[in-house]
Amino acid sequence: MNIEEIKKDFPILQNKEITYLDSGATTQKPIQVIKAIEEYYEKYNANPHRGAYSLSIEATEAYENTRKKIAKFINAKQPEEIIFSKNATESLNLTAYSYGIENLKKDDEIVISIMEHHSNLVPWQKVCKQTGAKLNYMYINNEFEITEEEIESKITDKTKIVSITHVSNVLGTINNIEKIIKYAHKRGAIVIVDASQSIPHIKIDVEKLRL
């Protein structure tokens, strides 16, 4: 598929003579997504899970079917493993301020990379300030990659959480999350992966990754 064929899926690129390069911040929506949203508001718009009337039941079915599709897409064991939030920023904040605050104590360590989006940086800074935990950074080499030596030197027995972007929205670096997850689990840490930039382009299998 060439670039012109891809552009046909995006109405905004048909209506304006532009080349859009800001997808790392906000992506344009393809016609398939726009039509799905339009169809929902035309046919199903009601409160899911909060009504016994027919429209609410239909909205609930549409909502839960979406959970099933996402579970299948990322190979989650159960649809109940899928939790919806407004965006990745909200998800990361929710994880930090719930699990992080509840489970971290003084001198525990959180490891992130130096290439993280602020939504995967600022919440952990606040968690550390509140709990007394320490925030450590994995740095990149001249090829903008996190080396195996850096992984093993920063993730230690004191590390309780590793929160890492799969693909950097600034550098385009594809981090070896399989290696990071495996080593973090070996050290007894849980791993949070920000897959915002990767999931549209790279197959994500949460069972294989053991997230």
N, C-alpha and C. Protein backbone atom coordinates (compact mmCIF):
# COMPACT_ATOMS: atom_id res chain seq x y z
N MET A 1 0.85 -1.19 0.00
CA MET A 1 0.00 0.00 0.00
C MET A 1 0.89 1.25 0.00
N ASN A 2 0.68 2.13 -0.98
CA ASN A 2 1.50 3.34 -1.05
C ASN A 2 0.88 4.47 -0.23
N ILE A 3 1.61 5.58 -0.14
CA ILE A 3 1.20 6.68 0.72
C ILE A 3 -0.12 7.29 0.29
N GLU A 4 -0.38 7.36 -1.00
CA GLU A 4 -1.62 7.93 -1.49
C GLU A 4 -2.82 7.08 -1.10
N GLU A 5 -2.66 5.77 -1.13
CA GLU A 5 -3.73 4.88 -0.71
C GLU A 5 -4.02 5.00 0.78
N ILE A 6 -2.94 5.15 1.58
CA ILE A 6 -3.11 5.34 3.02
C ILE A 6 -3.83 6.65 3.31
N LYS A 7 -3.46 7.71 2.60
CA LYS A 7 -4.05 9.03 2.83
C LYS A 7 -5.55 9.04 2.56
N LYS A 8 -6.03 8.14 1.71
CA LYS A 8 -7.46 8.09 1.39
C LYS A 8 -8.30 7.72 2.61
N ASP A 9 -7.69 7.07 3.60
CA ASP A 9 -8.41 6.70 4.83
C ASP A 9 -8.57 7.88 5.78
N PHE A 10 -7.91 9.00 5.50
CA PHE A 10 -7.91 10.13 6.43
C PHE A 10 -8.55 11.36 5.77
N PRO A 11 -9.80 11.64 6.08
CA PRO A 11 -10.51 12.77 5.44
C PRO A 11 -9.80 14.10 5.56
N ILE A 12 -9.17 14.35 6.71
CA ILE A 12 -8.52 15.65 6.90
C ILE A 12 -7.38 15.86 5.90
N LEU A 13 -6.74 14.77 5.48
CA LEU A 13 -5.66 14.86 4.50
C LEU A 13 -6.18 15.03 3.09
N GLN A 14 -7.46 14.74 2.92
CA GLN A 14 -8.09 14.98 1.62
C GLN A 14 -8.60 16.42 1.52
N ASN A 15 -8.96 16.97 2.67
CA ASN A 15 -9.58 18.31 2.69
C ASN A 15 -8.55 19.43 2.80
N LYS A 16 -7.32 19.09 3.18
CA LYS A 16 -6.28 20.11 3.32
C LYS A 16 -5.01 19.65 2.60
N GLU A 17 -4.33 20.57 2.00
CA GLU A 17 -3.06 20.25 1.34
C GLU A 17 -1.94 20.38 2.36
N ILE A 18 -1.81 19.36 3.18
CA ILE A 18 -0.81 19.38 4.24
C ILE A 18 -0.11 18.04 4.33
N THR A 19 1.07 18.07 4.93
CA THR A 19 1.75 16.86 5.36
C THR A 19 1.80 16.93 6.87
N TYR A 20 1.14 15.99 7.53
CA TYR A 20 0.99 16.04 8.99
C TYR A 20 2.10 15.25 9.65
N LEU A 21 2.89 15.91 10.49
CA LEU A 21 4.05 15.28 11.13
C LEU A 21 3.98 15.29 12.65
N ASP A 22 2.79 15.55 13.21
CA ASP A 22 2.68 15.68 14.67
C ASP A 22 1.94 14.50 15.29
N SER A 23 2.03 13.32 14.66
CA SER A 23 1.31 12.15 15.17
C SER A 23 1.83 11.68 16.52
N GLY A 24 3.07 12.03 16.86
CA GLY A 24 3.61 11.68 18.16
C GLY A 24 2.82 12.34 19.28
N ALA A 25 2.16 13.45 18.98
CA ALA A 25 1.36 14.16 19.98
C ALA A 25 -0.13 13.85 19.82
N THR A 26 -0.64 14.02 18.60
CA THR A 26 -2.06 13.75 18.31
C THR A 26 -2.17 13.14 16.93
N THR A 27 -2.76 11.96 16.85
CA THR A 27 -2.91 11.30 15.56
C THR A 27 -4.22 11.70 14.90
N GLN A 28 -4.19 11.75 13.57
CA GLN A 28 -5.42 11.95 12.82
C GLN A 28 -6.23 10.65 12.80
N LYS A 29 -7.53 10.78 12.71
CA LYS A 29 -8.39 9.60 12.78
C LYS A 29 -8.80 9.15 11.37
N PRO A 30 -8.66 7.84 11.09
CA PRO A 30 -9.09 7.33 9.79
C PRO A 30 -10.62 7.29 9.70
N ILE A 31 -11.11 7.21 8.49
CA ILE A 31 -12.55 7.25 8.26
C ILE A 31 -13.27 6.12 8.99
N GLN A 32 -12.58 4.97 9.16
CA GLN A 32 -13.21 3.85 9.85
C GLN A 32 -13.55 4.20 11.30
N VAL A 33 -12.64 4.93 11.96
CA VAL A 33 -12.88 5.36 13.35
C VAL A 33 -13.96 6.42 13.40
N ILE A 34 -13.90 7.36 12.49
CA ILE A 34 -14.91 8.44 12.45
C ILE A 34 -16.30 7.87 12.25
N LYS A 35 -16.42 6.90 11.35
CA LYS A 35 -17.73 6.28 11.07
C LYS A 35 -18.22 5.46 12.26
N ALA A 36 -17.30 4.78 12.96
CA ALA A 36 -17.69 4.00 14.13
C ALA A 36 -18.24 4.90 15.22
N ILE A 37 -17.59 6.04 15.44
CA ILE A 37 -18.08 7.00 16.44
C ILE A 37 -19.43 7.56 16.02
N GLU A 38 -19.55 7.89 14.75
CA GLU A 38 -20.81 8.41 14.22
C GLU A 38 -21.94 7.39 14.39
N GLU A 39 -21.64 6.13 14.08
CA GLU A 39 -22.65 5.07 14.21
C GLU A 39 -23.10 4.90 15.65
N TYR A 40 -22.14 4.98 16.58
CA TYR A 40 -22.50 4.84 17.99
C TYR A 40 -23.47 5.94 18.41
N TYR A 41 -23.16 7.18 18.07
CA TYR A 41 -24.02 8.28 18.49
C TYR A 41 -25.37 8.26 17.78
N GLU A 42 -25.41 7.69 16.58
CA GLU A 42 -26.67 7.61 15.85
C GLU A 42 -27.55 6.47 16.34
N LYS A 43 -26.93 5.36 16.84
CA LYS A 43 -27.71 4.15 17.11
C LYS A 43 -27.71 3.69 18.57
N TYR A 44 -26.62 3.96 19.32
CA TYR A 44 -26.47 3.32 20.62
C TYR A 44 -26.27 4.27 21.79
N ASN A 45 -26.25 5.55 21.57
CA ASN A 45 -25.84 6.48 22.62
C ASN A 45 -26.77 6.45 23.83
N ALA A 46 -26.26 5.85 24.92
CA ALA A 46 -26.98 5.79 26.19
C ALA A 46 -25.96 5.38 27.25
N ASN A 47 -26.38 5.40 28.53
CA ASN A 47 -25.48 5.00 29.60
C ASN A 47 -25.33 3.48 29.65
N PRO A 48 -24.13 2.93 29.37
CA PRO A 48 -23.94 1.49 29.54
C PRO A 48 -23.93 1.13 31.02
N HIS A 49 -24.44 -0.06 31.35
CA HIS A 49 -24.44 -0.60 32.70
C HIS A 49 -25.33 0.14 33.68
N ARG A 50 -26.08 1.11 33.23
CA ARG A 50 -26.82 1.93 34.19
C ARG A 50 -28.30 2.08 33.85
N GLY A 51 -28.77 1.17 32.99
CA GLY A 51 -30.19 1.24 32.66
C GLY A 51 -30.71 -0.11 32.22
N ALA A 52 -32.04 -0.31 32.36
CA ALA A 52 -32.67 -1.56 31.96
C ALA A 52 -33.49 -1.39 30.69
N TYR A 53 -33.49 -0.17 30.13
CA TYR A 53 -34.25 0.06 28.90
C TYR A 53 -33.42 -0.39 27.70
N SER A 54 -34.07 -0.58 26.58
CA SER A 54 -33.45 -1.24 25.43
C SER A 54 -32.20 -0.52 24.92
N LEU A 55 -32.24 0.80 24.87
CA LEU A 55 -31.10 1.55 24.34
C LEU A 55 -29.87 1.40 25.25
N SER A 56 -30.10 1.40 26.55
CA SER A 56 -29.00 1.22 27.49
C SER A 56 -28.42 -0.19 27.38
N ILE A 57 -29.28 -1.17 27.18
CA ILE A 57 -28.82 -2.55 27.01
C ILE A 57 -27.97 -2.67 25.76
N GLU A 58 -28.40 -2.04 24.67
CA GLU A 58 -27.63 -2.07 23.43
C GLU A 58 -26.28 -1.36 23.60
N ALA A 59 -26.27 -0.25 24.33
CA ALA A 59 -25.02 0.47 24.59
C ALA A 59 -24.08 -0.39 25.42
N THR A 60 -24.64 -1.09 26.40
CA THR A 60 -23.83 -1.98 27.24
C THR A 60 -23.20 -3.09 26.41
N GLU A 61 -23.98 -3.68 25.51
CA GLU A 61 -23.47 -4.75 24.65
C GLU A 61 -22.34 -4.23 23.76
N ALA A 62 -22.55 -3.04 23.20
CA ALA A 62 -21.50 -2.45 22.34
C ALA A 62 -20.23 -2.18 23.15
N TYR A 63 -20.39 -1.69 24.35
CA TYR A 63 -19.27 -1.39 25.24
C TYR A 63 -18.50 -2.65 25.59
N GLU A 64 -19.21 -3.70 25.99
CA GLU A 64 -18.56 -4.94 26.39
C GLU A 64 -17.97 -5.69 25.21
N ASN A 65 -18.60 -5.58 24.05
CA ASN A 65 -18.03 -6.21 22.85
C ASN A 65 -16.70 -5.56 22.48
N THR A 66 -16.59 -4.26 22.74
CA THR A 66 -15.33 -3.56 22.51
C THR A 66 -14.25 -4.10 23.42
N ARG A 67 -14.60 -4.37 24.67
CA ARG A 67 -13.65 -4.94 25.62
C ARG A 67 -13.16 -6.31 25.13
N LYS A 68 -14.08 -7.11 24.59
CA LYS A 68 -13.72 -8.43 24.07
C LYS A 68 -12.79 -8.31 22.86
N LYS A 69 -13.07 -7.37 21.98
CA LYS A 69 -12.23 -7.19 20.79
C LYS A 69 -10.81 -6.77 21.17
N ILE A 70 -10.70 -5.87 22.15
CA ILE A 70 -9.38 -5.42 22.58
C ILE A 70 -8.62 -6.57 23.25
N ALA A 71 -9.32 -7.34 24.07
CA ALA A 71 -8.69 -8.49 24.72
C ALA A 71 -8.13 -9.45 23.68
N LYS A 72 -8.90 -9.71 22.63
CA LYS A 72 -8.43 -10.58 21.56
C LYS A 72 -7.25 -9.95 20.82
N PHE A 73 -7.31 -8.64 20.62
CA PHE A 73 -6.28 -7.93 19.87
C PHE A 73 -4.92 -8.00 20.54
N ILE A 74 -4.90 -7.95 21.89
CA ILE A 74 -3.63 -7.99 22.61
C ILE A 74 -3.40 -9.34 23.30
N ASN A 75 -4.29 -10.30 23.02
CA ASN A 75 -4.19 -11.66 23.58
C ASN A 75 -4.24 -11.67 25.10
N ALA A 76 -5.17 -10.89 25.66
CA ALA A 76 -5.42 -10.97 27.10
C ALA A 76 -6.27 -12.21 27.37
N LYS A 77 -6.10 -12.78 28.55
CA LYS A 77 -6.83 -14.01 28.89
C LYS A 77 -8.34 -13.77 28.98
N GLN A 78 -8.72 -12.66 29.62
CA GLN A 78 -10.13 -12.39 29.87
C GLN A 78 -10.47 -10.94 29.48
N PRO A 79 -11.68 -10.70 28.96
CA PRO A 79 -12.09 -9.31 28.67
C PRO A 79 -12.06 -8.43 29.91
N GLU A 80 -12.27 -9.05 31.10
CA GLU A 80 -12.27 -8.28 32.34
C GLU A 80 -10.92 -7.66 32.66
N GLU A 81 -9.87 -8.11 31.98
CA GLU A 81 -8.55 -7.52 32.17
C GLU A 81 -8.43 -6.15 31.50
N ILE A 82 -9.38 -5.82 30.63
CA ILE A 82 -9.33 -4.56 29.89
C ILE A 82 -10.06 -3.48 30.66
N ILE A 83 -9.35 -2.41 30.98
CA ILE A 83 -9.93 -1.26 31.68
C ILE A 83 -9.81 -0.04 30.79
N PHE A 84 -10.90 0.66 30.63
CA PHE A 84 -10.90 1.84 29.78
C PHE A 84 -10.58 3.11 30.57
N SER A 85 -9.79 3.98 29.97
CA SER A 85 -9.56 5.32 30.51
C SER A 85 -9.62 6.30 29.33
N LYS A 86 -9.54 7.58 29.64
CA LYS A 86 -9.64 8.57 28.55
C LYS A 86 -8.45 8.51 27.61
N ASN A 87 -7.27 8.22 28.17
CA ASN A 87 -6.05 8.21 27.37
C ASN A 87 -4.92 7.58 28.18
N ALA A 88 -3.74 7.48 27.58
CA ALA A 88 -2.60 6.87 28.26
C ALA A 88 -2.15 7.69 29.46
N THR A 89 -2.25 9.01 29.36
CA THR A 89 -1.87 9.87 30.48
C THR A 89 -2.70 9.55 31.72
N GLU A 90 -4.01 9.41 31.53
CA GLU A 90 -4.86 9.09 32.67
C GLU A 90 -4.53 7.70 33.22
N SER A 91 -4.26 6.74 32.34
CA SER A 91 -3.93 5.39 32.78
C SER A 91 -2.65 5.37 33.61
N LEU A 92 -1.63 6.10 33.15
CA LEU A 92 -0.36 6.13 33.87
C LEU A 92 -0.51 6.83 35.22
N ASN A 93 -1.27 7.92 35.24
CA ASN A 93 -1.52 8.61 36.51
C ASN A 93 -2.31 7.72 37.47
N LEU A 94 -3.30 7.02 36.94
CA LEU A 94 -4.11 6.13 37.77
C LEU A 94 -3.25 5.03 38.39
N THR A 95 -2.35 4.46 37.58
CA THR A 95 -1.48 3.41 38.08
C THR A 95 -0.52 3.94 39.15
N ALA A 96 0.05 5.10 38.88
CA ALA A 96 1.01 5.68 39.83
C ALA A 96 0.35 6.02 41.16
N TYR A 97 -0.83 6.66 41.09
CA TYR A 97 -1.45 7.16 42.32
C TYR A 97 -2.28 6.10 43.05
N SER A 98 -2.48 4.96 42.43
CA SER A 98 -3.15 3.87 43.14
C SER A 98 -2.13 2.83 43.56
N TYR A 99 -1.62 2.07 42.61
CA TYR A 99 -0.66 1.02 42.95
C TYR A 99 0.62 1.60 43.54
N GLY A 100 1.14 2.66 42.94
CA GLY A 100 2.40 3.23 43.41
C GLY A 100 2.33 3.73 44.83
N ILE A 101 1.35 4.56 45.12
CA ILE A 101 1.19 5.13 46.46
C ILE A 101 0.94 4.03 47.49
N GLU A 102 0.18 3.03 47.09
CA GLU A 102 -0.23 1.98 48.03
C GLU A 102 0.90 1.01 48.36
N ASN A 103 1.80 0.77 47.41
CA ASN A 103 2.76 -0.33 47.55
C ASN A 103 4.21 0.08 47.76
N LEU A 104 4.54 1.34 47.54
CA LEU A 104 5.92 1.77 47.68
C LEU A 104 6.19 2.34 49.07
N LYS A 105 7.42 2.18 49.52
CA LYS A 105 7.83 2.74 50.81
C LYS A 105 9.22 3.37 50.65
N LYS A 106 9.68 3.96 51.71
CA LYS A 106 10.97 4.65 51.70
C LYS A 106 12.09 3.71 51.23
N ASP A 107 12.93 4.22 50.35
CA ASP A 107 14.10 3.54 49.79
C ASP A 107 13.77 2.49 48.73
N ASP A 108 12.47 2.25 48.44
CA ASP A 108 12.14 1.46 47.26
C ASP A 108 12.54 2.26 46.02
N GLU A 109 12.68 1.59 44.90
CA GLU A 109 13.11 2.28 43.68
C GLU A 109 12.14 2.06 42.52
N ILE A 110 11.95 3.12 41.75
CA ILE A 110 11.18 3.09 40.50
C ILE A 110 12.17 3.38 39.37
N VAL A 111 12.09 2.62 38.31
CA VAL A 111 12.98 2.83 37.17
C VAL A 111 12.16 3.20 35.94
N ILE A 112 12.54 4.29 35.32
CA ILE A 112 11.97 4.69 34.03
C ILE A 112 13.14 5.01 33.09
N SER A 113 12.83 5.32 31.85
CA SER A 113 13.90 5.71 30.93
C SER A 113 13.94 7.23 30.80
N ILE A 114 15.05 7.73 30.32
CA ILE A 114 15.22 9.17 30.15
C ILE A 114 14.38 9.70 28.99
N MET A 115 13.84 8.78 28.17
CA MET A 115 13.08 9.19 26.97
C MET A 115 11.57 9.24 27.22
N GLU A 116 11.14 9.14 28.50
CA GLU A 116 9.71 9.06 28.77
C GLU A 116 8.97 10.37 28.50
N HIS A 117 7.74 10.22 28.06
CA HIS A 117 6.81 11.34 27.99
C HIS A 117 6.55 11.83 29.41
N HIS A 118 6.21 13.09 29.57
CA HIS A 118 5.98 13.64 30.92
C HIS A 118 4.90 12.88 31.68
N SER A 119 3.95 12.28 30.96
CA SER A 119 2.89 11.54 31.64
C SER A 119 3.42 10.27 32.30
N ASN A 120 4.63 9.84 31.91
CA ASN A 120 5.26 8.69 32.56
C ASN A 120 6.49 9.13 33.35
N LEU A 121 6.53 10.39 33.69
CA LEU A 121 7.64 10.94 34.48
C LEU A 121 7.11 11.68 35.71
N VAL A 122 6.28 12.69 35.48
CA VAL A 122 5.80 13.54 36.57
C VAL A 122 5.04 12.75 37.65
N PRO A 123 4.14 11.82 37.28
CA PRO A 123 3.45 11.05 38.34
C PRO A 123 4.41 10.29 39.24
N TRP A 124 5.48 9.72 38.67
CA TRP A 124 6.43 8.97 39.48
C TRP A 124 7.27 9.89 40.36
N GLN A 125 7.54 11.09 39.88
CA GLN A 125 8.23 12.06 40.72
C GLN A 125 7.39 12.39 41.95
N LYS A 126 6.09 12.57 41.73
CA LYS A 126 5.19 12.89 42.85
C LYS A 126 5.04 11.70 43.80
N VAL A 127 4.98 10.50 43.24
CA VAL A 127 4.89 9.30 44.07
C VAL A 127 6.13 9.17 44.95
N CYS A 128 7.30 9.42 44.38
CA CYS A 128 8.54 9.34 45.15
C CYS A 128 8.56 10.38 46.27
N LYS A 129 8.09 11.57 45.95
CA LYS A 129 8.06 12.62 46.95
C LYS A 129 7.14 12.25 48.11
N GLN A 130 6.05 11.58 47.80
CA GLN A 130 5.08 11.23 48.83
C GLN A 130 5.48 10.00 49.64
N THR A 131 6.15 9.04 48.99
CA THR A 131 6.45 7.76 49.66
C THR A 131 7.88 7.65 50.16
N GLY A 132 8.77 8.50 49.66
CA GLY A 132 10.18 8.38 50.01
C GLY A 132 10.94 7.41 49.12
N ALA A 133 10.27 6.90 48.08
CA ALA A 133 10.95 6.03 47.12
C ALA A 133 11.89 6.86 46.25
N LYS A 134 12.75 6.18 45.51
CA LYS A 134 13.76 6.84 44.68
C LYS A 134 13.46 6.57 43.21
N LEU A 135 13.61 7.60 42.38
CA LEU A 135 13.38 7.46 40.95
C LEU A 135 14.72 7.36 40.22
N ASN A 136 14.94 6.26 39.52
CA ASN A 136 16.16 6.06 38.74
C ASN A 136 15.86 6.07 37.25
N TYR A 137 16.84 6.54 36.48
CA TYR A 137 16.65 6.67 35.03
C TYR A 137 17.60 5.74 34.27
N MET A 138 17.06 5.07 33.27
CA MET A 138 17.90 4.35 32.31
C MET A 138 18.24 5.31 31.17
N TYR A 139 19.53 5.48 30.92
CA TYR A 139 19.98 6.42 29.90
C TYR A 139 20.24 5.70 28.58
N ILE A 140 20.35 6.48 27.52
CA ILE A 140 20.52 5.92 26.18
C ILE A 140 21.96 6.10 25.69
N ASN A 141 22.35 5.26 24.75
CA ASN A 141 23.68 5.39 24.15
C ASN A 141 23.64 6.30 22.94
N ASN A 142 24.71 6.33 22.17
CA ASN A 142 24.79 7.23 21.01
C ASN A 142 23.83 6.86 19.90
N GLU A 143 23.29 5.62 19.95
CA GLU A 143 22.30 5.19 18.96
C GLU A 143 20.88 5.35 19.51
N PHE A 144 20.75 6.07 20.64
CA PHE A 144 19.46 6.34 21.28
C PHE A 144 18.78 5.06 21.78
N GLU A 145 19.58 4.08 22.18
CA GLU A 145 19.07 2.81 22.67
C GLU A 145 19.47 2.60 24.12
N ILE A 146 18.67 1.81 24.83
CA ILE A 146 19.01 1.42 26.20
C ILE A 146 19.74 0.09 26.11
N THR A 147 20.98 0.07 26.55
CA THR A 147 21.79 -1.13 26.43
C THR A 147 21.43 -2.15 27.51
N GLU A 148 21.86 -3.37 27.29
CA GLU A 148 21.65 -4.43 28.27
C GLU A 148 22.37 -4.09 29.57
N GLU A 149 23.55 -3.50 29.47
CA GLU A 149 24.31 -3.12 30.66
C GLU A 149 23.55 -2.06 31.47
N GLU A 150 22.91 -1.14 30.77
CA GLU A 150 22.14 -0.10 31.46
C GLU A 150 20.93 -0.70 32.17
N ILE A 151 20.27 -1.62 31.51
CA ILE A 151 19.12 -2.30 32.12
C ILE A 151 19.54 -2.98 33.41
N GLU A 152 20.61 -3.75 33.34
CA GLU A 152 21.03 -4.56 34.48
C GLU A 152 21.66 -3.73 35.60
N SER A 153 22.17 -2.56 35.27
CA SER A 153 22.76 -1.72 36.31
C SER A 153 21.71 -0.88 37.04
N LYS A 154 20.61 -0.57 36.38
CA LYS A 154 19.59 0.29 36.98
C LYS A 154 18.46 -0.48 37.65
N ILE A 155 18.14 -1.66 37.13
CA ILE A 155 17.09 -2.48 37.75
C ILE A 155 17.76 -3.41 38.76
N THR A 156 17.46 -3.19 40.03
CA THR A 156 18.13 -3.94 41.10
C THR A 156 17.08 -4.61 41.99
N ASP A 157 17.55 -5.24 43.05
CA ASP A 157 16.64 -5.88 43.99
C ASP A 157 15.78 -4.86 44.75
N LYS A 158 16.19 -3.59 44.72
CA LYS A 158 15.39 -2.54 45.35
C LYS A 158 14.29 -2.01 44.43
N THR A 159 14.37 -2.35 43.15
CA THR A 159 13.40 -1.87 42.17
C THR A 159 12.06 -2.57 42.37
N LYS A 160 11.02 -1.79 42.53
CA LYS A 160 9.67 -2.35 42.70
C LYS A 160 8.80 -2.13 41.46
N ILE A 161 9.08 -1.05 40.72
CA ILE A 161 8.30 -0.74 39.52
C ILE A 161 9.24 -0.30 38.41
N VAL A 162 9.04 -0.84 37.22
CA VAL A 162 9.70 -0.35 36.01
C VAL A 162 8.60 0.13 35.08
N SER A 163 8.65 1.40 34.70
CA SER A 163 7.62 1.96 33.80
C SER A 163 8.33 2.51 32.57
N ILE A 164 8.03 1.93 31.42
CA ILE A 164 8.84 2.17 30.23
C ILE A 164 7.98 2.35 28.98
N THR A 165 8.37 3.27 28.13
CA THR A 165 7.71 3.41 26.84
C THR A 165 8.21 2.32 25.89
N HIS A 166 7.31 1.77 25.11
CA HIS A 166 7.71 0.77 24.12
C HIS A 166 8.41 1.44 22.94
N VAL A 167 7.79 2.52 22.44
CA VAL A 167 8.39 3.30 21.35
C VAL A 167 8.37 4.77 21.76
N SER A 168 9.50 5.42 21.68
CA SER A 168 9.60 6.83 22.04
C SER A 168 8.87 7.70 21.03
N ASN A 169 8.02 8.61 21.52
CA ASN A 169 7.31 9.51 20.61
C ASN A 169 8.22 10.63 20.10
N VAL A 170 9.40 10.78 20.67
CA VAL A 170 10.35 11.80 20.22
C VAL A 170 11.44 11.19 19.34
N LEU A 171 12.03 10.10 19.82
CA LEU A 171 13.19 9.52 19.13
C LEU A 171 12.81 8.44 18.12
N GLY A 172 11.67 7.82 18.32
CA GLY A 172 11.31 6.68 17.48
C GLY A 172 12.00 5.40 17.89
N THR A 173 12.74 5.44 18.98
CA THR A 173 13.43 4.24 19.47
C THR A 173 12.43 3.17 19.87
N ILE A 174 12.68 1.94 19.43
CA ILE A 174 11.86 0.80 19.83
C ILE A 174 12.61 0.08 20.93
N ASN A 175 12.13 0.21 22.15
CA ASN A 175 12.81 -0.42 23.27
C ASN A 175 12.56 -1.92 23.31
N ASN A 176 13.55 -2.65 23.76
CA ASN A 176 13.45 -4.10 23.88
C ASN A 176 12.70 -4.43 25.17
N ILE A 177 11.37 -4.28 25.11
CA ILE A 177 10.60 -4.47 26.34
C ILE A 177 10.59 -5.92 26.80
N GLU A 178 10.75 -6.85 25.87
CA GLU A 178 10.81 -8.26 26.28
C GLU A 178 11.98 -8.48 27.25
N LYS A 179 13.13 -7.93 26.89
CA LYS A 179 14.32 -8.08 27.73
C LYS A 179 14.14 -7.32 29.05
N ILE A 180 13.59 -6.12 28.98
CA ILE A 180 13.38 -5.31 30.18
C ILE A 180 12.41 -6.01 31.13
N ILE A 181 11.30 -6.52 30.59
CA ILE A 181 10.30 -7.20 31.41
C ILE A 181 10.91 -8.44 32.07
N LYS A 182 11.61 -9.23 31.29
CA LYS A 182 12.20 -10.47 31.81
C LYS A 182 13.17 -10.17 32.94
N TYR A 183 14.02 -9.16 32.76
CA TYR A 183 15.01 -8.85 33.79
C TYR A 183 14.34 -8.23 35.02
N ALA A 184 13.33 -7.37 34.79
CA ALA A 184 12.63 -6.76 35.92
C ALA A 184 11.92 -7.80 36.76
N HIS A 185 11.27 -8.75 36.10
CA HIS A 185 10.59 -9.81 36.84
C HIS A 185 11.58 -10.68 37.61
N LYS A 186 12.74 -10.87 37.03
CA LYS A 186 13.80 -11.63 37.72
C LYS A 186 14.18 -10.94 39.02
N ARG A 187 14.12 -9.61 39.01
CA ARG A 187 14.47 -8.84 40.21
C ARG A 187 13.26 -8.61 41.12
N GLY A 188 12.10 -9.11 40.73
CA GLY A 188 10.92 -9.00 41.58
C GLY A 188 10.11 -7.74 41.37
N ALA A 189 10.36 -7.02 40.27
CA ALA A 189 9.63 -5.77 40.00
C ALA A 189 8.47 -6.02 39.05
N ILE A 190 7.44 -5.19 39.16
CA ILE A 190 6.37 -5.20 38.17
C ILE A 190 6.75 -4.24 37.04
N VAL A 191 6.13 -4.42 35.87
CA VAL A 191 6.46 -3.59 34.72
C VAL A 191 5.20 -2.97 34.14
N ILE A 192 5.28 -1.68 33.86
CA ILE A 192 4.22 -0.94 33.19
C ILE A 192 4.76 -0.49 31.84
N VAL A 193 4.04 -0.79 30.77
CA VAL A 193 4.49 -0.43 29.43
C VAL A 193 3.54 0.58 28.82
N ASP A 194 4.09 1.71 28.40
CA ASP A 194 3.34 2.69 27.64
C ASP A 194 3.45 2.31 26.16
N ALA A 195 2.39 1.72 25.63
CA ALA A 195 2.41 1.23 24.25
C ALA A 195 1.66 2.15 23.29
N SER A 196 1.49 3.41 23.68
CA SER A 196 0.72 4.34 22.86
C SER A 196 1.22 4.43 21.43
N GLN A 197 2.55 4.49 21.28
CA GLN A 197 3.13 4.67 19.95
C GLN A 197 3.33 3.34 19.21
N SER A 198 3.33 2.24 19.93
CA SER A 198 3.67 0.96 19.30
C SER A 198 2.47 0.14 18.88
N ILE A 199 1.40 0.18 19.65
CA ILE A 199 0.31 -0.77 19.43
C ILE A 199 -0.37 -0.65 18.06
N PRO A 200 -0.35 0.53 17.40
CA PRO A 200 -0.92 0.55 16.05
C PRO A 200 -0.02 -0.11 15.00
N HIS A 201 1.25 -0.33 15.34
CA HIS A 201 2.22 -0.78 14.34
C HIS A 201 2.89 -2.11 14.66
N ILE A 202 2.90 -2.48 15.95
CA ILE A 202 3.62 -3.68 16.39
C ILE A 202 2.66 -4.60 17.12
N LYS A 203 2.71 -5.88 16.81
CA LYS A 203 1.85 -6.85 17.48
C LYS A 203 2.19 -6.91 18.97
N ILE A 204 1.17 -6.70 19.82
CA ILE A 204 1.35 -6.75 21.27
C ILE A 204 0.65 -8.00 21.81
N ASP A 205 1.40 -8.86 22.46
CA ASP A 205 0.86 -10.08 23.05
C ASP A 205 1.17 -10.05 24.54
N VAL A 206 0.18 -9.66 25.35
CA VAL A 206 0.45 -9.47 26.79
C VAL A 206 0.73 -10.80 27.50
N GLU A 207 0.21 -11.90 26.96
CA GLU A 207 0.51 -13.19 27.56
C GLU A 207 1.97 -13.58 27.31
N LYS A 208 2.44 -13.32 26.11
CA LYS A 208 3.83 -13.61 25.79
C LYS A 208 4.77 -12.71 26.58
N LEU A 209 4.39 -11.47 26.73
CA LEU A 209 5.21 -10.52 27.49
C LEU A 209 5.10 -10.76 28.99
N ARG A 210 4.04 -11.45 29.41
CA ARG A 210 3.76 -11.71 30.82
C ARG A 210 3.63 -10.43 31.63
N LEU A 211 2.94 -9.46 31.07
CA LEU A 211 2.70 -8.21 31.79
C LEU A 211 1.68 -8.42 32.90
